Amino acid sequence: MKTISTREFCSAVALVAGLMFGAHTFAADISQSKAAGWVCEQDDGYARVAKPNAPADVKAMVGAVNGQRKAKYQRIAQKNGVPVDQVARLTAKKVIGAAPQYRCN
């Protein structure tokens, strides 16, 4: 199995970080939802609703964000000839490392 080079990984992280934290329409909302404790980051590269009583719009947003992440992970994985879950997990390590307080327990 091929592994991702450091350069390819950094490119992937930059792309996904931009998707998650950049000018994306959900960026402010997901950041606010994380800060409020409604959303957390999983080790598998996807966000999760952290509280079962989260508002419906937060749940919908998490679903939409995860769909966009999955599409991005698939493009990166296909480009580099690696499994999608490898891209997702490597990205999760970087994202959680930058904001460990938002990691799911």
Protein backbone atom coordinates (compact mmCIF):
# COMPACT_ATOMS: atom_id res chain seq x y z
CA MET A 1 0.00 0.00 0.00
CA LYS A 2 1.27 3.44 -0.92
CA THR A 3 1.71 5.99 1.84
CA ILE A 4 1.31 9.73 1.54
CA SER A 5 4.49 11.79 1.44
CA THR A 6 4.93 14.67 3.86
CA ARG A 7 4.41 17.17 1.06
CA GLU A 8 1.22 15.46 -0.12
CA PHE A 9 -0.03 15.23 3.44
CA CYS A 10 0.61 18.93 4.09
CA SER A 11 -1.29 19.78 0.91
CA ALA A 12 -4.17 17.56 2.00
CA VAL A 13 -4.26 19.12 5.45
CA ALA A 14 -4.21 22.61 4.00
CA LEU A 15 -7.10 21.79 1.69
CA VAL A 16 -9.19 20.17 4.39
CA ALA A 17 -8.36 22.86 6.95
CA GLY A 18 -9.48 25.44 4.43
CA LEU A 19 -12.68 23.50 3.99
CA MET A 20 -13.23 23.31 7.73
CA PHE A 21 -11.90 26.63 8.99
CA GLY A 22 -11.67 28.91 5.96
CA ALA A 23 -14.22 30.92 4.04
CA HIS A 24 -16.62 28.00 3.91
CA THR A 25 -20.22 28.89 4.70
CA PHE A 26 -20.33 26.56 7.68
CA ALA A 27 -16.93 27.58 9.09
CA ALA A 28 -18.18 30.17 11.58
CA ASP A 29 -21.17 28.06 12.53
CA ILE A 30 -19.16 24.90 13.13
CA SER A 31 -16.54 26.83 15.08
CA GLN A 32 -19.26 28.40 17.21
CA SER A 33 -20.94 25.02 17.66
CA LYS A 34 -17.65 23.50 18.80
CA ALA A 35 -17.09 26.35 21.24
CA ALA A 36 -20.61 25.86 22.60
CA GLY A 37 -19.93 22.14 23.08
CA TRP A 38 -22.47 20.95 20.51
CA VAL A 39 -19.88 19.55 18.06
CA CYS A 40 -16.60 17.69 18.49
CA GLU A 41 -13.91 16.24 16.19
CA GLN A 42 -13.45 12.49 15.93
CA ASP A 43 -10.20 10.61 15.28
CA ASP A 44 -11.64 9.37 11.97
CA GLY A 45 -11.59 12.83 10.36
CA TYR A 46 -15.26 13.65 10.78
CA ALA A 47 -17.21 15.90 13.13
CA ARG A 48 -19.84 14.53 15.48
CA VAL A 49 -22.76 16.01 17.34
CA ALA A 50 -21.50 15.88 20.92
CA LYS A 51 -24.84 16.28 22.69
CA PRO A 52 -28.03 14.39 21.81
CA ASN A 53 -30.12 17.50 22.51
CA ALA A 54 -28.23 19.61 19.95
CA PRO A 55 -30.47 21.82 17.79
CA ALA A 56 -31.64 20.34 14.50
CA ASP A 57 -29.72 22.95 12.49
CA VAL A 58 -26.47 21.92 14.21
CA LYS A 59 -27.16 18.26 13.38
CA ALA A 60 -27.87 19.17 9.75
CA MET A 61 -24.73 21.30 9.57
CA VAL A 62 -22.57 18.42 10.87
CA GLY A 63 -24.05 16.14 8.21
CA ALA A 64 -23.33 18.68 5.46
CA VAL A 65 -19.78 19.38 6.69
CA ASN A 66 -19.03 15.67 6.90
CA GLY A 67 -20.33 15.15 3.38
CA GLN A 68 -18.00 17.86 2.11
CA ARG A 69 -15.09 16.43 4.06
CA LYS A 70 -15.73 12.94 2.67
CA ALA A 71 -15.77 14.28 -0.90
CA LYS A 72 -12.49 16.14 -0.29
CA TYR A 73 -10.87 13.09 1.34
CA GLN A 74 -11.93 10.95 -1.62
CA ARG A 75 -10.39 13.35 -4.14
CA ILE A 76 -7.11 13.50 -2.20
CA ALA A 77 -7.03 9.72 -1.73
CA GLN A 78 -7.70 9.07 -5.41
CA LYS A 79 -5.06 11.58 -6.49
CA ASN A 80 -2.46 9.93 -4.25
CA GLY A 81 -3.52 6.30 -4.61
CA VAL A 82 -4.16 5.77 -0.91
CA PRO A 83 -7.22 4.68 1.09
CA VAL A 84 -9.75 7.38 1.98
CA ASP A 85 -9.63 6.50 5.66
CA GLN A 86 -5.86 7.07 5.70
CA VAL A 87 -6.33 10.62 4.43
CA ALA A 88 -9.16 11.23 6.90
CA ARG A 89 -7.25 9.92 9.92
CA LEU A 90 -4.05 11.80 9.08
CA THR A 91 -6.03 14.99 8.66
CA ALA A 92 -7.84 14.37 11.95
CA LYS A 93 -4.52 14.09 13.79
CA LYS A 94 -3.45 17.47 12.44
CA VAL A 95 -6.79 19.19 13.07
CA ILE A 96 -7.16 17.78 16.59
CA GLY A 97 -3.53 18.64 17.30
CA ALA A 98 -4.29 22.26 16.45
CA ALA A 99 -7.43 22.34 18.63
CA PRO A 100 -7.36 19.43 21.10
CA GLN A 101 -10.16 20.91 23.20
CA TYR A 102 -12.61 19.98 20.43
CA ARG A 103 -11.69 16.29 20.31
CA CYS A 104 -14.56 13.93 21.04
CA ASN A 105 -14.18 11.91 24.23
